[in-house]
């Protein structure tokens, strides 16, 4: 999954932010290819990174791949949401809100 699909045009200056939340589904054991494009096009350095991944119960290399592509940053916290639709959207929202409240200061 080293694909780098083209993204729709966006305009954001990430240098203005110290804290970055990255959310993605887990596809074939890693983050989704559009996240790969975004991270390769926006060389993040010295940022506090918060990772959120929705998955079907097998993250395989997801965290490892994030750690590799995000070298030079501080991965502060990771949230793993397993089958959020199957296990309840409200529960996933609650878990996400608690994660944000407890980790982002």
PDB file of N, CA and C in Angstrom:
ATOM      1  N   UNK A   1       0.837  -1.201   0.000  1.00  0.00           N
ATOM      2  CA  UNK A   1       0.000   0.000   0.000  1.00  0.00           C
ATOM      3  C   UNK A   1       0.869   1.246   0.000  1.00  0.00           C
ATOM      4  N   UNK A   2       1.866   1.264  -0.836  1.00  0.00           N
ATOM      5  CA  UNK A   2       2.720   2.451  -0.949  1.00  0.00           C
ATOM      6  C   UNK A   2       2.205   3.388  -2.032  1.00  0.00           C
ATOM      7  N   UNK A   3       0.948   3.206  -2.430  1.00  0.00           N
ATOM      8  CA  UNK A   3       0.357   4.046  -3.463  1.00  0.00           C
ATOM      9  C   UNK A   3       0.264   5.488  -2.974  1.00  0.00           C
ATOM     10  N   UNK A   4       0.266   6.391  -3.943  1.00  0.00           N
ATOM     11  CA  UNK A   4       0.178   7.814  -3.638  1.00  0.00           C
ATOM     12  C   UNK A   4      -0.863   8.434  -4.572  1.00  0.00           C
ATOM     13  N   UNK A   5      -2.158   8.225  -4.261  1.00  0.00           N
ATOM     14  CA  UNK A   5      -3.201   8.764  -5.129  1.00  0.00           C
ATOM     15  C   UNK A   5      -3.240  10.291  -5.086  1.00  0.00           C
ATOM     16  N   UNK A   6      -3.698  10.863  -6.166  1.00  0.00           N
ATOM     17  CA  UNK A   6      -3.821  12.321  -6.223  1.00  0.00           C
ATOM     18  C   UNK A   6      -4.968  12.756  -5.318  1.00  0.00           C
ATOM     19  N   UNK A   7      -4.747  13.845  -4.586  1.00  0.00           N
ATOM     20  CA  UNK A   7      -5.776  14.385  -3.695  1.00  0.00           C
ATOM     21  C   UNK A   7      -6.460  15.574  -4.355  1.00  0.00           C
ATOM     22  N   UNK A   8      -7.676  15.831  -3.938  1.00  0.00           N
ATOM     23  CA  UNK A   8      -8.325  17.061  -4.366  1.00  0.00           C
ATOM     24  C   UNK A   8      -7.528  18.226  -3.796  1.00  0.00           C
ATOM     25  N   UNK A   9      -7.595  19.343  -4.473  1.00  0.00           N
ATOM     26  CA  UNK A   9      -6.833  20.508  -4.038  1.00  0.00           C
ATOM     27  C   UNK A   9      -7.273  20.948  -2.639  1.00  0.00           C
ATOM     28  N   UNK A  10      -6.300  21.277  -1.807  1.00  0.00           N
ATOM     29  CA  UNK A  10      -6.567  21.778  -0.464  1.00  0.00           C
ATOM     30  C   UNK A  10      -5.544  22.863  -0.159  1.00  0.00           C
ATOM     31  N   UNK A  11      -5.871  23.700   0.800  1.00  0.00           N
ATOM     32  CA  UNK A  11      -4.985  24.801   1.153  1.00  0.00           C
ATOM     33  C   UNK A  11      -4.887  24.878   2.673  1.00  0.00           C
ATOM     34  N   UNK A  12      -3.757  24.431   3.200  1.00  0.00           N
ATOM     35  CA  UNK A  12      -3.548  24.481   4.648  1.00  0.00           C
ATOM     36  C   UNK A  12      -2.059  24.689   4.909  1.00  0.00           C
ATOM     37  N   UNK A  13      -1.771  25.564   5.861  1.00  0.00           N
ATOM     38  CA  UNK A  13      -0.392  25.828   6.256  1.00  0.00           C
ATOM     39  C   UNK A  13      -0.141  25.126   7.585  1.00  0.00           C
ATOM     40  N   UNK A  14       0.431  23.936   7.516  1.00  0.00           N
ATOM     41  CA  UNK A  14       0.642  23.131   8.720  1.00  0.00           C
ATOM     42  C   UNK A  14       1.715  23.699   9.639  1.00  0.00           C
ATOM     43  N   UNK A  15       2.509  24.642   9.149  1.00  0.00           N
ATOM     44  CA  UNK A  15       3.528  25.252  10.006  1.00  0.00           C
ATOM     45  C   UNK A  15       2.898  26.048  11.144  1.00  0.00           C
ATOM     46  N   UNK A  16       1.642  26.389  11.028  1.00  0.00           N
ATOM     47  CA  UNK A  16       0.936  27.153  12.064  1.00  0.00           C
ATOM     48  C   UNK A  16       0.508  26.288  13.252  1.00  0.00           C
ATOM     49  N   UNK A  17       0.636  24.972  13.117  1.00  0.00           N
ATOM     50  CA  UNK A  17       0.104  24.063  14.124  1.00  0.00           C
ATOM     51  C   UNK A  17       1.200  23.231  14.780  1.00  0.00           C
ATOM     52  N   UNK A  18       1.097  23.095  16.099  1.00  0.00           N
ATOM     53  CA  UNK A  18       2.005  22.224  16.841  1.00  0.00           C
ATOM     54  C   UNK A  18       1.416  20.830  17.013  1.00  0.00           C
ATOM     55  N   UNK A  19       0.098  20.762  17.100  1.00  0.00           N
ATOM     56  CA  UNK A  19      -0.612  19.508  17.314  1.00  0.00           C
ATOM     57  C   UNK A  19      -1.370  19.142  16.049  1.00  0.00           C
ATOM     58  N   UNK A  20      -1.177  17.908  15.593  1.00  0.00           N
ATOM     59  CA  UNK A  20      -1.836  17.432  14.383  1.00  0.00           C
ATOM     60  C   UNK A  20      -2.521  16.104  14.696  1.00  0.00           C
ATOM     61  N   UNK A  21      -3.813  16.020  14.386  1.00  0.00           N
ATOM     62  CA  UNK A  21      -4.561  14.775  14.530  1.00  0.00           C
ATOM     63  C   UNK A  21      -4.684  14.170  13.140  1.00  0.00           C
ATOM     64  N   UNK A  22      -4.315  12.903  13.020  1.00  0.00           N
ATOM     65  CA  UNK A  22      -4.428  12.192  11.749  1.00  0.00           C
ATOM     66  C   UNK A  22      -5.353  11.004  11.975  1.00  0.00           C
ATOM     67  N   UNK A  23      -6.432  10.961  11.217  1.00  0.00           N
ATOM     68  CA  UNK A  23      -7.379   9.867  11.316  1.00  0.00           C
ATOM     69  C   UNK A  23      -7.480   9.131   9.996  1.00  0.00           C
ATOM     70  N   UNK A  24      -7.568   7.809  10.070  1.00  0.00           N
ATOM     71  CA  UNK A  24      -7.630   7.008   8.851  1.00  0.00           C
ATOM     72  C   UNK A  24      -8.247   5.654   9.147  1.00  0.00           C
ATOM     73  N   UNK A  25      -8.902   5.073   8.142  1.00  0.00           N
ATOM     74  CA  UNK A  25      -9.232   3.653   8.282  1.00  0.00           C
ATOM     75  C   UNK A  25      -7.969   2.838   8.066  1.00  0.00           C
ATOM     76  N   UNK A  26      -7.971   1.643   8.548  1.00  0.00           N
ATOM     77  CA  UNK A  26      -6.877   0.703   8.287  1.00  0.00           C
ATOM     78  C   UNK A  26      -7.256  -0.085   7.042  1.00  0.00           C
ATOM     79  N   UNK A  27      -6.438   0.008   6.009  1.00  0.00           N
ATOM     80  CA  UNK A  27      -6.660  -0.721   4.765  1.00  0.00           C
ATOM     81  C   UNK A  27      -5.510  -1.689   4.566  1.00  0.00           C
ATOM     82  N   UNK A  28      -5.795  -2.948   4.527  1.00  0.00           N
ATOM     83  CA  UNK A  28      -4.779  -3.969   4.266  1.00  0.00           C
ATOM     84  C   UNK A  28      -3.573  -3.838   5.201  1.00  0.00           C
ATOM     85  N   UNK A  29      -3.844  -3.541   6.466  1.00  0.00           N
ATOM     86  CA  UNK A  29      -2.798  -3.530   7.479  1.00  0.00           C
ATOM     87  C   UNK A  29      -2.024  -2.249   7.616  1.00  0.00           C
ATOM     88  N   UNK A  30      -2.494  -1.153   7.025  1.00  0.00           N
ATOM     89  CA  UNK A  30      -1.819   0.129   7.180  1.00  0.00           C
ATOM     90  C   UNK A  30      -2.825   1.264   6.959  1.00  0.00           C
ATOM     91  N   UNK A  31      -2.355   2.486   7.052  1.00  0.00           N
ATOM     92  CA  UNK A  31      -3.242   3.628   6.833  1.00  0.00           C
ATOM     93  C   UNK A  31      -3.616   3.714   5.351  1.00  0.00           C
ATOM     94  N   UNK A  32      -4.704   4.424   5.064  1.00  0.00           N
ATOM     95  CA  UNK A  32      -5.230   4.528   3.707  1.00  0.00           C
ATOM     96  C   UNK A  32      -4.266   5.299   2.798  1.00  0.00           C
ATOM     97  N   UNK A  33      -4.190   4.917   1.513  1.00  0.00           N
ATOM     98  CA  UNK A  33      -3.276   5.564   0.569  1.00  0.00           C
ATOM     99  C   UNK A  33      -3.392   7.094   0.495  1.00  0.00           C
ATOM    100  N   UNK A  34      -4.576   7.710   0.607  1.00  0.00           N
ATOM    101  CA  UNK A  34      -4.604   9.178   0.592  1.00  0.00           C
ATOM    102  C   UNK A  34      -3.812   9.805   1.750  1.00  0.00           C
ATOM    103  N   UNK A  35      -3.743   9.105   2.885  1.00  0.00           N
ATOM    104  CA  UNK A  35      -2.923   9.594   4.000  1.00  0.00           C
ATOM    105  C   UNK A  35      -1.454   9.550   3.603  1.00  0.00           C
ATOM    106  N   UNK A  36      -1.059   8.524   2.884  1.00  0.00           N
ATOM    107  CA  UNK A  36       0.312   8.426   2.380  1.00  0.00           C
ATOM    108  C   UNK A  36       0.638   9.645   1.515  1.00  0.00           C
ATOM    109  N   UNK A  37      -0.246   9.987   0.591  1.00  0.00           N
ATOM    110  CA  UNK A  37      -0.050  11.161  -0.264  1.00  0.00           C
ATOM    111  C   UNK A  37       0.110  12.414   0.588  1.00  0.00           C
ATOM    112  N   UNK A  38      -0.818  12.599   1.529  1.00  0.00           N
ATOM    113  CA  UNK A  38      -0.798  13.797   2.362  1.00  0.00           C
ATOM    114  C   UNK A  38       0.496  13.913   3.153  1.00  0.00           C
ATOM    115  N   UNK A  39       0.928  12.811   3.763  1.00  0.00           N
ATOM    116  CA  UNK A  39       2.138  12.855   4.588  1.00  0.00           C
ATOM    117  C   UNK A  39       3.402  13.024   3.753  1.00  0.00           C
ATOM    118  N   UNK A  40       3.441  12.452   2.570  1.00  0.00           N
ATOM    119  CA  UNK A  40       4.609  12.631   1.696  1.00  0.00           C
ATOM    120  C   UNK A  40       4.670  14.046   1.117  1.00  0.00           C
ATOM    121  N   UNK A  41       3.502  14.634   0.861  1.00  0.00           N
ATOM    122  CA  UNK A  41       3.452  15.993   0.309  1.00  0.00           C
ATOM    123  C   UNK A  41       3.648  17.072   1.365  1.00  0.00           C
ATOM    124  N   UNK A  42       3.422  16.747   2.619  1.00  0.00           N
ATOM    125  CA  UNK A  42       3.517  17.710   3.720  1.00  0.00           C
ATOM    126  C   UNK A  42       4.504  17.187   4.747  1.00  0.00           C
ATOM    127  N   UNK A  43       5.752  17.401   4.507  1.00  0.00           N
ATOM    128  CA  UNK A  43       6.808  16.881   5.390  1.00  0.00           C
ATOM    129  C   UNK A  43       6.658  17.478   6.790  1.00  0.00           C
ATOM    130  N   UNK A  44       6.048  16.730   7.665  1.00  0.00           N
ATOM    131  CA  UNK A  44       5.844  17.193   9.038  1.00  0.00           C
ATOM    132  C   UNK A  44       7.102  16.961   9.858  1.00  0.00           C
ATOM    133  N   UNK A  45       7.488  17.970  10.634  1.00  0.00           N
ATOM    134  CA  UNK A  45       8.636  17.842  11.533  1.00  0.00           C
ATOM    135  C   UNK A  45       8.354  18.580  12.827  1.00  0.00           C
ATOM    136  N   UNK A  46       8.797  17.991  13.911  1.00  0.00           N
ATOM    137  CA  UNK A  46       8.684  18.604  15.240  1.00  0.00           C
ATOM    138  C   UNK A  46       7.243  18.923  15.622  1.00  0.00           C
ATOM    139  N   UNK A  47       6.336  18.057  15.228  1.00  0.00           N
ATOM    140  CA  UNK A  47       4.921  18.226  15.571  1.00  0.00           C
ATOM    141  C   UNK A  47       4.529  17.178  16.600  1.00  0.00           C
ATOM    142  N   UNK A  48       3.515  17.486  17.388  1.00  0.00           N
ATOM    143  CA  UNK A  48       2.875  16.512  18.268  1.00  0.00           C
ATOM    144  C   UNK A  48       1.777  15.851  17.450  1.00  0.00           C
ATOM    145  N   UNK A  49       1.891  14.553  17.265  1.00  0.00           N
ATOM    146  CA  UNK A  49       0.977  13.822  16.397  1.00  0.00           C
ATOM    147  C   UNK A  49       0.071  12.917  17.224  1.00  0.00           C
ATOM    148  N   UNK A  50      -1.205  12.954  16.904  1.00  0.00           N
ATOM    149  CA  UNK A  50      -2.226  12.121  17.536  1.00  0.00           C
ATOM    150  C   UNK A  50      -2.848  11.279  16.434  1.00  0.00           C
ATOM    151  N   UNK A  51      -2.807   9.966  16.588  1.00  0.00           N
ATOM    152  CA  UNK A  51      -3.258   9.060  15.539  1.00  0.00           C
ATOM    153  C   UNK A  51      -4.543   8.343  15.939  1.00  0.00           C
ATOM    154  N   UNK A  52      -5.493   8.340  15.032  1.00  0.00           N
ATOM    155  CA  UNK A  52      -6.758   7.656  15.226  1.00  0.00           C
ATOM    156  C   UNK A  52      -6.958   6.713  14.040  1.00  0.00           C
ATOM    157  N   UNK A  53      -7.214   5.441  14.321  1.00  0.00           N
ATOM    158  CA  UNK A  53      -7.397   4.449  13.258  1.00  0.00           C
ATOM    159  C   UNK A  53      -8.648   3.616  13.530  1.00  0.00           C
ATOM    160  N   UNK A  54      -9.528   3.564  12.531  1.00  0.00           N
ATOM    161  CA  UNK A  54     -10.680   2.661  12.559  1.00  0.00           C
ATOM    162  C   UNK A  54     -10.277   1.404  11.808  1.00  0.00           C
ATOM    163  N   UNK A  55     -10.626   0.249  12.369  1.00  0.00           N
ATOM    164  CA  UNK A  55     -10.169  -0.986  11.742  1.00  0.00           C
ATOM    165  C   UNK A  55     -11.087  -2.154  12.066  1.00  0.00           C
ATOM    166  N   UNK A  56     -10.828  -3.239  11.370  1.00  0.00           N
ATOM    167  CA  UNK A  56     -11.613  -4.445  11.554  1.00  0.00           C
ATOM    168  C   UNK A  56     -10.983  -5.446  12.495  1.00  0.00           C
ATOM    169  N   UNK A  57     -10.050  -5.014  13.306  1.00  0.00           N
ATOM    170  CA  UNK A  57      -9.464  -5.893  14.307  1.00  0.00           C
ATOM    171  C   UNK A  57      -8.050  -6.353  14.015  1.00  0.00           C
ATOM    172  N   UNK A  58      -7.483  -5.904  12.909  1.00  0.00           N
ATOM    173  CA  UNK A  58      -6.114  -6.308  12.589  1.00  0.00           C
ATOM    174  C   UNK A  58      -5.347  -5.116  12.029  1.00  0.00           C
ATOM    175  N   UNK A  59      -4.607  -4.454  12.881  1.00  0.00           N
ATOM    176  CA  UNK A  59      -3.841  -3.273  12.468  1.00  0.00           C
ATOM    177  C   UNK A  59      -2.539  -3.622  11.753  1.00  0.00           C
ATOM    178  N   UNK A  60      -2.104  -4.858  11.869  1.00  0.00           N
ATOM    179  CA  UNK A  60      -0.835  -5.344  11.310  1.00  0.00           C
ATOM    180  C   UNK A  60       0.278  -4.317  11.447  1.00  0.00           C
ATOM    181  N   UNK A  61       0.615  -3.605  10.373  1.00  0.00           N
ATOM    182  CA  UNK A  61       1.760  -2.679  10.376  1.00  0.00           C
ATOM    183  C   UNK A  61       1.378  -1.209  10.486  1.00  0.00           C
ATOM    184  N   UNK A  62       0.141  -0.929  10.819  1.00  0.00           N
ATOM    185  CA  UNK A  62      -0.329   0.452  10.802  1.00  0.00           C
ATOM    186  C   UNK A  62       0.523   1.366  11.675  1.00  0.00           C
ATOM    187  N   UNK A  63       0.690   1.021  12.952  1.00  0.00           N
ATOM    188  CA  UNK A  63       1.451   1.902  13.853  1.00  0.00           C
ATOM    189  C   UNK A  63       2.905   1.999  13.403  1.00  0.00           C
ATOM    190  N   UNK A  64       3.497   0.883  13.013  1.00  0.00           N
ATOM    191  CA  UNK A  64       4.889   0.876  12.553  1.00  0.00           C
ATOM    192  C   UNK A  64       5.055   1.766  11.324  1.00  0.00           C
ATOM    193  N   UNK A  65       4.127   1.682  10.381  1.00  0.00           N
ATOM    194  CA  UNK A  65       4.215   2.505   9.177  1.00  0.00           C
ATOM    195  C   UNK A  65       4.062   3.989   9.493  1.00  0.00           C
ATOM    196  N   UNK A  66       3.156   4.305  10.424  1.00  0.00           N
ATOM    197  CA  UNK A  66       3.032   5.702  10.855  1.00  0.00           C
ATOM    198  C   UNK A  66       4.339   6.186  11.483  1.00  0.00           C
ATOM    199  N   UNK A  67       4.914   5.378  12.356  1.00  0.00           N
ATOM    200  CA  UNK A  67       6.160   5.769  13.019  1.00  0.00           C
ATOM    201  C   UNK A  67       7.279   6.014  12.012  1.00  0.00           C
ATOM    202  N   UNK A  68       7.346   5.212  10.960  1.00  0.00           N
ATOM    203  CA  UNK A  68       8.377   5.395   9.938  1.00  0.00           C
ATOM    204  C   UNK A  68       8.186   6.694   9.164  1.00  0.00           C
ATOM    205  N   UNK A  69       6.969   6.937   8.686  1.00  0.00           N
ATOM    206  CA  UNK A  69       6.731   8.113   7.853  1.00  0.00           C
ATOM    207  C   UNK A  69       6.719   9.406   8.677  1.00  0.00           C
ATOM    208  N   UNK A  70       6.491   9.284   9.985  1.00  0.00           N
ATOM    209  CA  UNK A  70       6.418  10.460  10.849  1.00  0.00           C
ATOM    210  C   UNK A  70       7.675  10.664  11.699  1.00  0.00           C
ATOM    211  N   UNK A  71       8.799  10.065  11.303  1.00  0.00           N
ATOM    212  CA  UNK A  71      10.054  10.286  12.038  1.00  0.00           C
ATOM    213  C   UNK A  71      10.323  11.783  12.108  1.00  0.00           C
ATOM    214  N   UNK A  72      10.851  12.204  13.256  1.00  0.00           N
ATOM    215  CA  UNK A  72      11.117  13.623  13.466  1.00  0.00           C
ATOM    216  C   UNK A  72       9.949  14.337  14.126  1.00  0.00           C
ATOM    217  N   UNK A  73       8.922  13.572  14.471  1.00  0.00           N
ATOM    218  CA  UNK A  73       7.753  14.100  15.168  1.00  0.00           C
ATOM    219  C   UNK A  73       7.563  13.325  16.465  1.00  0.00           C
ATOM    220  N   UNK A  74       6.717  13.852  17.329  1.00  0.00           N
ATOM    221  CA  UNK A  74       6.406  13.205  18.596  1.00  0.00           C
ATOM    222  C   UNK A  74       5.010  12.592  18.495  1.00  0.00           C
ATOM    223  N   UNK A  75       4.935  11.268  18.383  1.00  0.00           N
ATOM    224  CA  UNK A  75       3.630  10.615  18.384  1.00  0.00           C
ATOM    225  C   UNK A  75       3.181  10.524  19.838  1.00  0.00           C
ATOM    226  N   UNK A  76       2.224  11.363  20.181  1.00  0.00           N
ATOM    227  CA  UNK A  76       1.789  11.519  21.567  1.00  0.00           C
ATOM    228  C   UNK A  76       0.837  10.408  21.988  1.00  0.00           C
ATOM    229  N   UNK A  77      -0.117  10.095  21.117  1.00  0.00           N
ATOM    230  CA  UNK A  77      -1.142   9.134  21.503  1.00  0.00           C
ATOM    231  C   UNK A  77      -1.735   8.478  20.259  1.00  0.00           C
ATOM    232  N   UNK A  78      -2.224   7.241  20.468  1.00  0.00           N
ATOM    233  CA  UNK A  78      -2.841   6.465  19.398  1.00  0.00           C
ATOM    234  C   UNK A  78      -4.191   5.955  19.893  1.00  0.00           C
ATOM    235  N   UNK A  79      -5.189   6.056  19.038  1.00  0.00           N
ATOM    236  CA  UNK A  79      -6.509   5.515  19.361  1.00  0.00           C
ATOM    237  C   UNK A  79      -6.901   4.508  18.291  1.00  0.00           C
ATOM    238  N   UNK A  80      -7.256   3.334  18.740  1.00  0.00           N
ATOM    239  CA  UNK A  80      -7.637   2.220  17.881  1.00  0.00           C
ATOM    240  C   UNK A  80      -9.131   1.970  18.080  1.00  0.00           C
ATOM    241  N   UNK A  81      -9.924   2.247  17.051  1.00  0.00           N
ATOM    242  CA  UNK A  81     -11.359   1.991  17.105  1.00  0.00           C
ATOM    243  C   UNK A  81     -11.665   0.753  16.263  1.00  0.00           C
ATOM    244  N   UNK A  82     -12.034  -0.333  16.921  1.00  0.00           N
ATOM    245  CA  UNK A  82     -12.303  -1.595  16.241  1.00  0.00           C
ATOM    246  C   UNK A  82     -13.791  -1.667  15.881  1.00  0.00           C
ATOM    247  N   UNK A  83     -14.060  -1.885  14.594  1.00  0.00           N
ATOM    248  CA  UNK A  83     -15.428  -1.992  14.070  1.00  0.00           C
ATOM    249  C   UNK A  83     -16.367  -0.942  14.657  1.00  0.00           C
ATOM    250  N   UNK A  84     -16.077   0.350  14.469  1.00  0.00           N
ATOM    251  CA  UNK A  84     -16.921   1.366  15.098  1.00  0.00           C
ATOM    252  C   UNK A  84     -18.386   1.319  14.655  1.00  0.00           C
ATOM    253  N   UNK A  85     -18.652   0.947  13.407  1.00  0.00           N
ATOM    254  CA  UNK A  85     -20.049   0.866  12.973  1.00  0.00           C
ATOM    255  C   UNK A  85     -20.715  -0.355  13.608  1.00  0.00           C
ATOM    256  N   UNK A  86     -20.053  -1.486  13.546  1.00  0.00           N
ATOM    257  CA  UNK A  86     -20.600  -2.731  14.100  1.00  0.00           C
ATOM    258  C   UNK A  86     -20.742  -2.656  15.624  1.00  0.00           C
ATOM    259  N   UNK A  87     -19.744  -2.063  16.287  1.00  0.00           N
ATOM    260  CA  UNK A  87     -19.741  -2.016  17.749  1.00  0.00           C
ATOM    261  C   UNK A  87     -20.435  -0.794  18.325  1.00  0.00           C
ATOM    262  N   UNK A  88     -20.956   0.068  17.458  1.00  0.00           N
ATOM    263  CA  UNK A  88     -21.738   1.212  17.941  1.00  0.00           C
ATOM    264  C   UNK A  88     -21.057   2.545  17.729  1.00  0.00           C
ATOM    265  N   UNK A  89     -21.675   3.363  16.906  1.00  0.00           N
ATOM    266  CA  UNK A  89     -21.149   4.698  16.618  1.00  0.00           C
ATOM    267  C   UNK A  89     -21.091   5.547  17.884  1.00  0.00           C
ATOM    268  N   UNK A  90     -22.113   5.461  18.710  1.00  0.00           N
ATOM    269  CA  UNK A  90     -22.137   6.270  19.939  1.00  0.00           C
ATOM    270  C   UNK A  90     -20.967   5.906  20.850  1.00  0.00           C
ATOM    271  N   UNK A  91     -20.656   4.627  20.942  1.00  0.00           N
ATOM    272  CA  UNK A  91     -19.517   4.192  21.758  1.00  0.00           C
ATOM    273  C   UNK A  91     -18.209   4.722  21.168  1.00  0.00           C
ATOM    274  N   UNK A  92     -18.087   4.682  19.856  1.00  0.00           N
ATOM    275  CA  UNK A  92     -16.884   5.204  19.194  1.00  0.00           C
ATOM    276  C   UNK A  92     -16.757   6.709  19.418  1.00  0.00           C
ATOM    277  N   UNK A  93     -17.857   7.422  19.346  1.00  0.00           N
ATOM    278  CA  UNK A  93     -17.838   8.879  19.604  1.00  0.00           C
ATOM    279  C   UNK A  93     -17.401   9.154  21.038  1.00  0.00           C
ATOM    280  N   UNK A  94     -17.965   8.397  21.974  1.00  0.00           N
ATOM    281  CA  UNK A  94     -17.623   8.565  23.391  1.00  0.00           C
ATOM    282  C   UNK A  94     -16.134   8.303  23.606  1.00  0.00           C
ATOM    283  N   UNK A  95     -15.640   7.210  23.055  1.00  0.00           N
ATOM    284  CA  UNK A  95     -14.230   6.848  23.206  1.00  0.00           C
ATOM    285  C   UNK A  95     -13.322   7.923  22.580  1.00  0.00           C
ATOM    286  N   UNK A  96     -13.722   8.429  21.417  1.00  0.00           N
ATOM    287  CA  UNK A  96     -12.942   9.474  20.739  1.00  0.00           C
ATOM    288  C   UNK A  96     -12.947  10.764  21.540  1.00  0.00           C
ATOM    289  N   UNK A  97     -14.096  11.169  22.040  1.00  0.00           N
ATOM    290  CA  UNK A  97     -14.180  12.395  22.842  1.00  0.00           C
ATOM    291  C   UNK A  97     -13.344  12.291  24.116  1.00  0.00           C
ATOM    292  N   UNK A  98     -13.362  11.135  24.757  1.00  0.00           N
ATOM    293  CA  UNK A  98     -12.539  10.930  25.955  1.00  0.00           C
ATOM    294  C   UNK A  98     -11.058  10.994  25.603  1.00  0.00           C
ATOM    295  N   UNK A  99     -10.701  10.388  24.490  1.00  0.00           N
ATOM    296  CA  UNK A  99      -9.305  10.402  24.021  1.00  0.00           C
ATOM    297  C   UNK A  99      -8.839  11.835  23.776  1.00  0.00           C
ATOM    298  N   UNK A 100      -9.660  12.621  23.105  1.00  0.00           N
ATOM    299  CA  UNK A 100      -9.321  14.024  22.829  1.00  0.00           C
ATOM    300  C   UNK A 100      -9.186  14.788  24.151  1.00  0.00           C
ATOM    301  N   UNK A 101     -10.162  14.632  25.020  1.00  0.00           N
ATOM    302  CA  UNK A 101     -10.150  15.337  26.299  1.00  0.00           C
ATOM    303  C   UNK A 101      -8.920  14.991  27.142  1.00  0.00           C
ATOM    304  N   UNK A 102      -8.524  13.723  27.136  1.00  0.00           N
ATOM    305  CA  UNK A 102      -7.412  13.270  27.964  1.00  0.00           C
ATOM    306  C   UNK A 102      -6.043  13.507  27.345  1.00  0.00           C
ATOM    307  N   UNK A 103      -5.976  13.734  26.037  1.00  0.00           N
ATOM    308  CA  UNK A 103      -4.684  13.822  25.378  1.00  0.00           C
ATOM    309  C   UNK A 103      -4.339  15.198  24.811  1.00  0.00           C
ATOM    310  N   UNK A 104      -5.311  15.928  24.352  1.00  0.00           N
ATOM    311  CA  UNK A 104      -5.026  17.238  23.763  1.00  0.00           C
ATOM    312  C   UNK A 104      -5.159  18.310  24.820  1.00  0.00           C
ATOM    313  N   UNK A 105      -4.079  18.998  25.027  1.00  0.00           N
ATOM    314  CA  UNK A 105      -4.092  20.050  26.058  1.00  0.00           C
ATOM    315  C   UNK A 105      -3.749  21.380  25.419  1.00  0.00           C
TER     316      UNK A 105
END
